[in-house]
Amino acid sequence: MHSDITKKTYKKLSFEVAPHALSFCITDLVSNKIVTHKSFEVNVNEVMEEAFWKIFVEHPILAEKYDEIVVVHNSNLNTFVPTSLFDPMQLGSYLQYNSKVFETDYFAYDYLDTYELNNVFIPYTAINNYLLDHYDTFDFKNCNSIFVKKALDFSKNKDYKQVWVHFQKDRFEIVVTKNQQLLLFNTFTYKTLEDFIYYVLFTYEQLQLNPEAVPLQFIGEIDTESSYFKIAYKYIRNCSILDVTYLTHAFGTTEKELLKHFILFHS
């Protein structure tokens, strides 16, 4: 954003926006450490733009200058398309098979260059429009672009199948990889423990994955004391929370915060 080095702040601002929650973090681009981060629940009756307005009023740090600004749209209205099959003029057609789309919808996509994948998604246009009133420019992306890229990165030189779950309230994304190949991406909404474990085991069954052999790793708002983790551990032999201890010093934050805000911190 600032080409003149004298105007550089060496700070990056990242937002993560969802229908009923939003978070932000500020990263020092020299040390790559998280300077500060905040999360907010948004009342179901509250308009997201109004919630943003309150947060901007209460946190003047958001009005400062930043070298980079990224907005992560936490939405499951997305699908992955290999570059070999991708046509940027047909974005809506890729989503119509797994999401209800309308002519008025705005479509965008993230290109995962290392993996020749494109993530087609519907961004929250009202949020983007609101933020354009505050910032000259910013990048925006879908949360699952970050999740899938990190899962593929972690699978490097692992010549066996691995299952990854990004666990959130009411929803989780599930990814299956094998040595930097994406074998599956899916998203499920759940209300009960039974819903959750059904969808996980359904995925194992559909891909003929052996629960005794194929490991499952979680990121997100979950720990080993969670009833959701415990039920997964009951049925899947090699079930664990992603080890992020090596990142705590790099990011300057705790394991719990790193797992909960994994997507935001890696934006």
C-alpha atoms as a PDB file:
ATOM      1  CA  MET A   1       0.000   0.000   0.000  1.00  0.00           C
ATOM      2  CA  HIS A   2       2.785   2.442   0.900  1.00  0.00           C
ATOM      3  CA  SER A   3       5.514   2.383  -1.762  1.00  0.00           C
ATOM      4  CA  ASP A   4       7.432   5.216  -0.048  1.00  0.00           C
ATOM      5  CA  ILE A   5       9.548   3.553   2.639  1.00  0.00           C
ATOM      6  CA  THR A   6       9.274   6.626   4.877  1.00  0.00           C
ATOM      7  CA  LYS A   7       5.524   6.054   5.076  1.00  0.00           C
ATOM      8  CA  LYS A   8       5.703   2.363   5.861  1.00  0.00           C
ATOM      9  CA  THR A   9       4.285   1.310   9.223  1.00  0.00           C
ATOM     10  CA  TYR A  10       5.477  -2.337   9.113  1.00  0.00           C
ATOM     11  CA  LYS A  11       2.079  -3.336  10.466  1.00  0.00           C
ATOM     12  CA  LYS A  12      -0.623  -5.524   9.010  1.00  0.00           C
ATOM     13  CA  LEU A  13      -4.316  -5.456   9.938  1.00  0.00           C
ATOM     14  CA  SER A  14      -6.404  -8.596   9.443  1.00  0.00           C
ATOM     15  CA  PHE A  15     -10.148  -8.980   9.904  1.00  0.00           C
ATOM     16  CA  GLU A  16     -12.171 -12.184  10.042  1.00  0.00           C
ATOM     17  CA  VAL A  17     -15.892 -11.668   9.478  1.00  0.00           C
ATOM     18  CA  ALA A  18     -18.744 -14.146   9.933  1.00  0.00           C
ATOM     19  CA  PRO A  19     -22.521 -13.588  10.171  1.00  0.00           C
ATOM     20  CA  HIS A  20     -22.510 -13.388  13.978  1.00  0.00           C
ATOM     21  CA  ALA A  21     -18.877 -12.768  14.887  1.00  0.00           C
ATOM     22  CA  LEU A  22     -15.890 -10.742  13.894  1.00  0.00           C
ATOM     23  CA  SER A  23     -12.263 -10.579  14.917  1.00  0.00           C
ATOM     24  CA  PHE A  24      -9.236  -8.518  14.102  1.00  0.00           C
ATOM     25  CA  CYS A  25      -5.527  -8.816  14.706  1.00  0.00           C
ATOM     26  CA  ILE A  26      -2.556  -6.560  14.134  1.00  0.00           C
ATOM     27  CA  THR A  27       0.755  -8.119  13.144  1.00  0.00           C
ATOM     28  CA  ASP A  28       4.218  -6.588  13.345  1.00  0.00           C
ATOM     29  CA  LEU A  29       5.640  -7.306   9.879  1.00  0.00           C
ATOM     30  CA  VAL A  30       9.247  -7.155  11.091  1.00  0.00           C
ATOM     31  CA  SER A  31       8.976  -9.713  13.904  1.00  0.00           C
ATOM     32  CA  ASN A  32       5.800 -11.385  12.500  1.00  0.00           C
ATOM     33  CA  LYS A  33       4.393 -11.357  16.041  1.00  0.00           C
ATOM     34  CA  ILE A  34       0.766 -10.634  16.872  1.00  0.00           C
ATOM     35  CA  VAL A  35       0.649  -7.164  18.468  1.00  0.00           C
ATOM     36  CA  THR A  36      -2.995  -7.376  19.532  1.00  0.00           C
ATOM     37  CA  HIS A  37      -6.164  -9.241  18.642  1.00  0.00           C
ATOM     38  CA  LYS A  38      -9.819  -8.947  19.638  1.00  0.00           C
ATOM     39  CA  SER A  39     -12.937 -11.030  19.023  1.00  0.00           C
ATOM     40  CA  PHE A  40     -16.557  -9.951  19.205  1.00  0.00           C
ATOM     41  CA  GLU A  41     -19.856 -11.788  19.168  1.00  0.00           C
ATOM     42  CA  VAL A  42     -22.505 -10.001  17.125  1.00  0.00           C
ATOM     43  CA  ASN A  43     -26.085 -10.066  18.373  1.00  0.00           C
ATOM     44  CA  VAL A  44     -28.275 -12.066  16.007  1.00  0.00           C
ATOM     45  CA  ASN A  45     -30.553  -9.019  15.633  1.00  0.00           C
ATOM     46  CA  GLU A  46     -27.682  -6.615  15.036  1.00  0.00           C
ATOM     47  CA  VAL A  47     -26.678  -5.573  11.532  1.00  0.00           C
ATOM     48  CA  MET A  48     -23.013  -6.390  10.887  1.00  0.00           C
ATOM     49  CA  GLU A  49     -22.301  -2.855   9.651  1.00  0.00           C
ATOM     50  CA  GLU A  50     -23.637  -1.452  12.945  1.00  0.00           C
ATOM     51  CA  ALA A  51     -21.429  -3.864  14.882  1.00  0.00           C
ATOM     52  CA  PHE A  52     -18.430  -2.732  12.842  1.00  0.00           C
ATOM     53  CA  TRP A  53     -19.268   0.912  13.504  1.00  0.00           C
ATOM     54  CA  LYS A  54     -19.252   0.310  17.286  1.00  0.00           C
ATOM     55  CA  ILE A  55     -15.958  -1.553  17.109  1.00  0.00           C
ATOM     56  CA  PHE A  56     -14.330   1.222  15.070  1.00  0.00           C
ATOM     57  CA  VAL A  57     -15.514   3.804  17.610  1.00  0.00           C
ATOM     58  CA  GLU A  58     -14.241   1.764  20.564  1.00  0.00           C
ATOM     59  CA  HIS A  59     -10.917   0.796  18.944  1.00  0.00           C
ATOM     60  CA  PRO A  60      -9.261   3.840  17.358  1.00  0.00           C
ATOM     61  CA  ILE A  61      -6.244   1.631  16.555  1.00  0.00           C
ATOM     62  CA  LEU A  62      -8.259   0.493  13.512  1.00  0.00           C
ATOM     63  CA  ALA A  63      -8.070   4.007  12.073  1.00  0.00           C
ATOM     64  CA  GLU A  64      -4.277   3.962  11.990  1.00  0.00           C
ATOM     65  CA  LYS A  65      -2.246   3.387   8.815  1.00  0.00           C
ATOM     66  CA  TYR A  66      -1.276  -0.151   7.805  1.00  0.00           C
ATOM     67  CA  ASP A  67       0.981  -1.503   5.071  1.00  0.00           C
ATOM     68  CA  GLU A  68      -1.369  -4.423   4.497  1.00  0.00           C
ATOM     69  CA  ILE A  69      -5.045  -4.980   5.224  1.00  0.00           C
ATOM     70  CA  VAL A  70      -6.677  -8.371   4.722  1.00  0.00           C
ATOM     71  CA  VAL A  71     -10.328  -9.288   5.212  1.00  0.00           C
ATOM     72  CA  VAL A  72     -11.093 -12.987   5.681  1.00  0.00           C
ATOM     73  CA  HIS A  73     -14.675 -13.974   4.901  1.00  0.00           C
ATOM     74  CA  ASN A  74     -15.620 -16.856   7.199  1.00  0.00           C
ATOM     75  CA  SER A  75     -18.223 -18.503   4.998  1.00  0.00           C
ATOM     76  CA  ASN A  76     -18.913 -21.976   3.657  1.00  0.00           C
ATOM     77  CA  LEU A  77     -20.379 -20.643   0.403  1.00  0.00           C
ATOM     78  CA  ASN A  78     -17.360 -21.850  -1.540  1.00  0.00           C
ATOM     79  CA  THR A  79     -16.002 -24.657  -3.679  1.00  0.00           C
ATOM     80  CA  PHE A  80     -12.541 -25.665  -4.960  1.00  0.00           C
ATOM     81  CA  VAL A  81     -11.858 -26.018  -8.681  1.00  0.00           C
ATOM     82  CA  PRO A  82      -8.583 -27.297 -10.224  1.00  0.00           C
ATOM     83  CA  THR A  83      -6.960 -24.722 -12.506  1.00  0.00           C
ATOM     84  CA  SER A  84      -7.173 -27.167 -15.427  1.00  0.00           C
ATOM     85  CA  LEU A  85     -10.998 -27.020 -15.205  1.00  0.00           C
ATOM     86  CA  PHE A  86     -11.312 -23.386 -14.176  1.00  0.00           C
ATOM     87  CA  ASP A  87     -12.921 -20.578 -16.167  1.00  0.00           C
ATOM     88  CA  PRO A  88     -13.044 -17.212 -14.336  1.00  0.00           C
ATOM     89  CA  MET A  89     -16.023 -16.213 -16.498  1.00  0.00           C
ATOM     90  CA  GLN A  90     -18.155 -19.048 -15.086  1.00  0.00           C
ATOM     91  CA  LEU A  91     -17.759 -18.562 -11.326  1.00  0.00           C
ATOM     92  CA  GLY A  92     -21.461 -18.907 -10.477  1.00  0.00           C
ATOM     93  CA  SER A  93     -21.748 -22.231 -12.286  1.00  0.00           C
ATOM     94  CA  TYR A  94     -19.206 -23.873  -9.948  1.00  0.00           C
ATOM     95  CA  LEU A  95     -21.173 -22.939  -6.842  1.00  0.00           C
ATOM     96  CA  GLN A  96     -24.673 -23.799  -8.040  1.00  0.00           C
ATOM     97  CA  TYR A  97     -24.156 -27.507  -7.359  1.00  0.00           C
ATOM     98  CA  ASN A  98     -23.550 -27.162  -3.638  1.00  0.00           C
ATOM     99  CA  SER A  99     -25.009 -23.730  -2.735  1.00  0.00           C
ATOM    100  CA  LYS A 100     -28.129 -21.768  -3.503  1.00  0.00           C
ATOM    101  CA  VAL A 101     -26.996 -18.928  -5.741  1.00  0.00           C
ATOM    102  CA  PHE A 102     -28.853 -15.928  -7.149  1.00  0.00           C
ATOM    103  CA  GLU A 103     -28.296 -13.739 -10.191  1.00  0.00           C
ATOM    104  CA  THR A 104     -27.556 -10.821  -7.877  1.00  0.00           C
ATOM    105  CA  ASP A 105     -24.755 -12.663  -6.047  1.00  0.00           C
ATOM    106  CA  TYR A 106     -21.222 -11.377  -6.425  1.00  0.00           C
ATOM    107  CA  PHE A 107     -18.622 -14.104  -6.955  1.00  0.00           C
ATOM    108  CA  ALA A 108     -14.905 -14.010  -6.249  1.00  0.00           C
ATOM    109  CA  TYR A 109     -12.081 -16.534  -6.164  1.00  0.00           C
ATOM    110  CA  ASP A 110      -8.738 -17.144  -4.480  1.00  0.00           C
ATOM    111  CA  TYR A 111      -5.932 -18.723  -6.464  1.00  0.00           C
ATOM    112  CA  LEU A 112      -3.753 -21.174  -4.540  1.00  0.00           C
ATOM    113  CA  ASP A 113      -0.816 -20.987  -6.927  1.00  0.00           C
ATOM    114  CA  THR A 114       1.352 -23.672  -5.343  1.00  0.00           C
ATOM    115  CA  TYR A 115      -1.446 -26.197  -5.724  1.00  0.00           C
ATOM    116  CA  GLU A 116      -3.098 -25.093  -8.986  1.00  0.00           C
ATOM    117  CA  LEU A 117      -6.427 -24.688  -7.183  1.00  0.00           C
ATOM    118  CA  ASN A 118      -9.052 -21.958  -7.244  1.00  0.00           C
ATOM    119  CA  ASN A 119     -11.481 -21.382  -4.395  1.00  0.00           C
ATOM    120  CA  VAL A 120     -14.694 -19.842  -5.756  1.00  0.00           C
ATOM    121  CA  PHE A 121     -16.761 -18.084  -3.083  1.00  0.00           C
ATOM    122  CA  ILE A 122     -19.437 -15.512  -2.349  1.00  0.00           C
ATOM    123  CA  PRO A 123     -17.985 -12.714  -0.201  1.00  0.00           C
ATOM    124  CA  TYR A 124     -19.966 -10.556   2.219  1.00  0.00           C
ATOM    125  CA  THR A 125     -20.282  -7.596  -0.135  1.00  0.00           C
ATOM    126  CA  ALA A 126     -21.925  -5.377   2.498  1.00  0.00           C
ATOM    127  CA  ILE A 127     -18.861  -5.815   4.719  1.00  0.00           C
ATOM    128  CA  ASN A 128     -16.446  -5.079   1.866  1.00  0.00           C
ATOM    129  CA  ASN A 129     -18.440  -1.957   0.960  1.00  0.00           C
ATOM    130  CA  TYR A 130     -18.419  -0.797   4.571  1.00  0.00           C
ATOM    131  CA  LEU A 131     -14.653  -1.243   4.887  1.00  0.00           C
ATOM    132  CA  LEU A 132     -14.045   0.626   1.630  1.00  0.00           C
ATOM    133  CA  ASP A 133     -15.356   3.704   3.431  1.00  0.00           C
ATOM    134  CA  HIS A 134     -12.506   3.319   5.942  1.00  0.00           C
ATOM    135  CA  TYR A 135      -9.596   2.055   3.866  1.00  0.00           C
ATOM    136  CA  ASP A 136      -8.329   2.960   0.405  1.00  0.00           C
ATOM    137  CA  THR A 137      -7.746  -0.639  -0.495  1.00  0.00           C
ATOM    138  CA  PHE A 138      -7.543  -4.111   1.024  1.00  0.00           C
ATOM    139  CA  ASP A 139      -7.328  -7.738  -0.019  1.00  0.00           C
ATOM    140  CA  PHE A 140     -10.094 -10.161   0.811  1.00  0.00           C
ATOM    141  CA  LYS A 141     -10.226 -13.940   0.752  1.00  0.00           C
ATOM    142  CA  ASN A 142     -12.271 -16.913   1.916  1.00  0.00           C
ATOM    143  CA  CYS A 143     -11.311 -18.619   5.183  1.00  0.00           C
ATOM    144  CA  ASN A 144     -11.167 -22.033   3.531  1.00  0.00           C
ATOM    145  CA  SER A 145      -8.451 -20.911   1.138  1.00  0.00           C
ATOM    146  CA  ILE A 146      -6.216 -20.497   4.187  1.00  0.00           C
ATOM    147  CA  PHE A 147      -7.349 -23.752   5.819  1.00  0.00           C
ATOM    148  CA  VAL A 148      -6.853 -25.876   2.695  1.00  0.00           C
ATOM    149  CA  LYS A 149      -3.493 -24.294   1.876  1.00  0.00           C
ATOM    150  CA  LYS A 150      -2.172 -24.948   5.398  1.00  0.00           C
ATOM    151  CA  ALA A 151      -3.469 -28.540   5.383  1.00  0.00           C
ATOM    152  CA  LEU A 152      -1.725 -29.130   2.041  1.00  0.00           C
ATOM    153  CA  ASP A 153       1.453 -27.481   3.335  1.00  0.00           C
ATOM    154  CA  PHE A 154       1.436 -29.725   6.416  1.00  0.00           C
ATOM    155  CA  SER A 155       0.939 -32.830   4.245  1.00  0.00           C
ATOM    156  CA  LYS A 156       4.213 -32.336   2.366  1.00  0.00           C
ATOM    157  CA  ASN A 157       6.218 -35.577   2.128  1.00  0.00           C
ATOM    158  CA  LYS A 158       3.454 -37.431   4.026  1.00  0.00           C
ATOM    159  CA  ASP A 159       2.690 -40.191   1.557  1.00  0.00           C
ATOM    160  CA  TYR A 160      -0.436 -41.295   3.397  1.00  0.00           C
ATOM    161  CA  LYS A 161      -3.923 -39.890   3.765  1.00  0.00           C
ATOM    162  CA  GLN A 162      -4.644 -37.363   6.521  1.00  0.00           C
ATOM    163  CA  VAL A 163      -7.916 -35.807   7.669  1.00  0.00           C
ATOM    164  CA  TRP A 164      -8.098 -32.224   8.917  1.00  0.00           C
ATOM    165  CA  VAL A 165     -11.046 -30.560  10.652  1.00  0.00           C
ATOM    166  CA  HIS A 166     -11.515 -26.835  11.231  1.00  0.00           C
ATOM    167  CA  PHE A 167     -13.986 -26.896  14.114  1.00  0.00           C
ATOM    168  CA  GLN A 168     -16.326 -23.951  14.697  1.00  0.00           C
ATOM    169  CA  LYS A 169     -19.602 -23.359  16.500  1.00  0.00           C
ATOM    170  CA  ASP A 170     -22.417 -24.878  14.408  1.00  0.00           C
ATOM    171  CA  ARG A 171     -20.132 -25.759  11.479  1.00  0.00           C
ATOM    172  CA  PHE A 172     -16.938 -27.539  10.563  1.00  0.00           C
ATOM    173  CA  GLU A 173     -14.854 -27.948   7.449  1.00  0.00           C
ATOM    174  CA  ILE A 174     -13.159 -31.239   6.664  1.00  0.00           C
ATOM    175  CA  VAL A 175     -10.190 -31.765   4.338  1.00  0.00           C
ATOM    176  CA  VAL A 176      -8.454 -34.951   3.241  1.00  0.00           C
ATOM    177  CA  THR A 177      -4.903 -34.733   1.892  1.00  0.00           C
ATOM    178  CA  LYS A 178      -2.115 -36.979   0.691  1.00  0.00           C
ATOM    179  CA  ASN A 179       1.325 -35.476   0.073  1.00  0.00           C
ATOM    180  CA  GLN A 180       0.058 -32.058  -1.036  1.00  0.00           C
ATOM    181  CA  GLN A 181      -2.869 -33.444  -3.020  1.00  0.00           C
ATOM    182  CA  LEU A 182      -6.391 -32.343  -2.068  1.00  0.00           C
ATOM    183  CA  LEU A 183      -8.562 -35.459  -2.031  1.00  0.00           C
ATOM    184  CA  LEU A 184     -11.642 -33.885  -0.439  1.00  0.00           C
ATOM    185  CA  PHE A 185     -13.002 -30.631   0.875  1.00  0.00           C
ATOM    186  CA  ASN A 186     -16.437 -30.459   2.455  1.00  0.00           C
ATOM    187  CA  THR A 187     -18.357 -28.424   4.994  1.00  0.00           C
ATOM    188  CA  PHE A 188     -21.079 -29.532   7.409  1.00  0.00           C
ATOM    189  CA  THR A 189     -23.415 -27.713   9.772  1.00  0.00           C
ATOM    190  CA  TYR A 190     -24.258 -29.567  12.975  1.00  0.00           C
ATOM    191  CA  LYS A 191     -26.439 -29.121  16.048  1.00  0.00           C
ATOM    192  CA  THR A 192     -25.583 -32.147  18.166  1.00  0.00           C
ATOM    193  CA  LEU A 193     -22.676 -34.426  19.001  1.00  0.00           C
ATOM    194  CA  GLU A 194     -24.396 -37.134  16.996  1.00  0.00           C
ATOM    195  CA  ASP A 195     -24.592 -34.887  13.918  1.00  0.00           C
ATOM    196  CA  PHE A 196     -20.914 -34.111  14.187  1.00  0.00           C
ATOM    197  CA  ILE A 197     -19.584 -37.654  14.542  1.00  0.00           C
ATOM    198  CA  TYR A 198     -22.002 -38.926  11.893  1.00  0.00           C
ATOM    199  CA  TYR A 199     -20.562 -36.508   9.312  1.00  0.00           C
ATOM    200  CA  VAL A 200     -16.974 -37.313  10.268  1.00  0.00           C
ATOM    201  CA  LEU A 201     -17.508 -41.072  10.052  1.00  0.00           C
ATOM    202  CA  PHE A 202     -19.565 -40.628   6.874  1.00  0.00           C
ATOM    203  CA  THR A 203     -16.537 -38.917   5.307  1.00  0.00           C
ATOM    204  CA  TYR A 204     -14.272 -41.780   6.379  1.00  0.00           C
ATOM    205  CA  GLU A 205     -16.727 -44.309   4.938  1.00  0.00           C
ATOM    206  CA  GLN A 206     -17.238 -42.493   1.620  1.00  0.00           C
ATOM    207  CA  LEU A 207     -13.496 -42.223   0.988  1.00  0.00           C
ATOM    208  CA  GLN A 208     -12.887 -45.739   2.347  1.00  0.00           C
ATOM    209  CA  LEU A 209     -10.588 -44.385   5.032  1.00  0.00           C
ATOM    210  CA  ASN A 210      -9.743 -46.753   7.860  1.00  0.00           C
ATOM    211  CA  PRO A 211     -10.512 -45.098  11.253  1.00  0.00           C
ATOM    212  CA  GLU A 212      -7.884 -47.398  12.755  1.00  0.00           C
ATOM    213  CA  ALA A 213      -5.158 -46.039  10.480  1.00  0.00           C
ATOM    214  CA  VAL A 214      -5.990 -42.633   8.944  1.00  0.00           C
ATOM    215  CA  PRO A 215      -5.208 -39.787  11.393  1.00  0.00           C
ATOM    216  CA  LEU A 216      -7.522 -36.874  12.172  1.00  0.00           C
ATOM    217  CA  GLN A 217      -6.204 -33.486  13.363  1.00  0.00           C
ATOM    218  CA  PHE A 218      -8.265 -30.549  14.607  1.00  0.00           C
ATOM    219  CA  ILE A 219      -7.798 -26.821  14.523  1.00  0.00           C
ATOM    220  CA  GLY A 220     -10.268 -24.226  15.748  1.00  0.00           C
ATOM    221  CA  GLU A 221     -12.155 -23.675  18.966  1.00  0.00           C
ATOM    222  CA  ILE A 222     -11.630 -27.127  20.453  1.00  0.00           C
ATOM    223  CA  ASP A 223      -9.424 -28.886  22.990  1.00  0.00           C
ATOM    224  CA  THR A 224      -8.971 -32.411  24.341  1.00  0.00           C
ATOM    225  CA  GLU A 225     -11.604 -31.795  27.056  1.00  0.00           C
ATOM    226  CA  SER A 226     -14.280 -30.966  24.477  1.00  0.00           C
ATOM    227  CA  SER A 227     -17.077 -33.534  24.147  1.00  0.00           C
ATOM    228  CA  TYR A 228     -16.660 -33.217  20.362  1.00  0.00           C
ATOM    229  CA  PHE A 229     -13.001 -34.150  20.556  1.00  0.00           C
ATOM    230  CA  LYS A 230     -13.763 -37.016  22.940  1.00  0.00           C
ATOM    231  CA  ILE A 231     -16.386 -38.574  20.673  1.00  0.00           C
ATOM    232  CA  ALA A 232     -14.034 -38.332  17.683  1.00  0.00           C
ATOM    233  CA  TYR A 233     -11.278 -39.924  19.789  1.00  0.00           C
ATOM    234  CA  LYS A 234     -13.674 -42.752  20.668  1.00  0.00           C
ATOM    235  CA  TYR A 235     -14.117 -43.770  17.027  1.00  0.00           C
ATOM    236  CA  ILE A 236     -10.841 -42.717  15.403  1.00  0.00           C
ATOM    237  CA  ARG A 237      -7.671 -44.238  16.791  1.00  0.00           C
ATOM    238  CA  ASN A 238      -5.212 -41.487  15.808  1.00  0.00           C
ATOM    239  CA  CYS A 239      -7.116 -38.349  16.749  1.00  0.00           C
ATOM    240  CA  SER A 240      -5.338 -35.200  17.948  1.00  0.00           C
ATOM    241  CA  ILE A 241      -5.289 -31.430  18.144  1.00  0.00           C
ATOM    242  CA  LEU A 242      -2.777 -29.910  15.716  1.00  0.00           C
ATOM    243  CA  ASP A 243       0.498 -29.291  17.548  1.00  0.00           C
ATOM    244  CA  VAL A 244       1.131 -25.534  17.354  1.00  0.00           C
ATOM    245  CA  THR A 245       3.606 -25.269  20.233  1.00  0.00           C
ATOM    246  CA  TYR A 246       6.406 -24.395  17.801  1.00  0.00           C
ATOM    247  CA  LEU A 247       4.358 -21.386  16.630  1.00  0.00           C
ATOM    248  CA  THR A 248       3.725 -19.860  20.043  1.00  0.00           C
ATOM    249  CA  HIS A 249       7.070 -18.093  20.195  1.00  0.00           C
ATOM    250  CA  ALA A 250       6.930 -17.036  16.536  1.00  0.00           C
ATOM    251  CA  PHE A 251       3.496 -15.448  16.915  1.00  0.00           C
ATOM    252  CA  GLY A 252       3.969 -14.377  20.523  1.00  0.00           C
ATOM    253  CA  THR A 253       0.706 -15.929  21.713  1.00  0.00           C
ATOM    254  CA  THR A 254      -0.691 -19.062  23.392  1.00  0.00           C
ATOM    255  CA  GLU A 255      -1.528 -22.474  21.922  1.00  0.00           C
ATOM    256  CA  LYS A 256      -5.221 -21.988  22.697  1.00  0.00           C
ATOM    257  CA  GLU A 257      -5.348 -18.620  20.925  1.00  0.00           C
ATOM    258  CA  LEU A 258      -3.352 -19.984  17.980  1.00  0.00           C
ATOM    259  CA  LEU A 259      -5.794 -22.846  17.478  1.00  0.00           C
ATOM    260  CA  LYS A 260      -8.903 -20.702  17.924  1.00  0.00           C
ATOM    261  CA  HIS A 261      -7.642 -17.955  15.589  1.00  0.00           C
ATOM    262  CA  PHE A 262      -5.589 -20.199  13.310  1.00  0.00           C
ATOM    263  CA  ILE A 263      -7.216 -18.820  10.153  1.00  0.00           C
ATOM    264  CA  LEU A 264      -7.011 -15.172  11.215  1.00  0.00           C
ATOM    265  CA  PHE A 265      -3.370 -15.399  12.317  1.00  0.00           C
ATOM    266  CA  HIS A 266      -2.360 -17.086   9.045  1.00  0.00           C
ATOM    267  CA  SER A 267      -4.193 -14.619   6.824  1.00  0.00           C
END
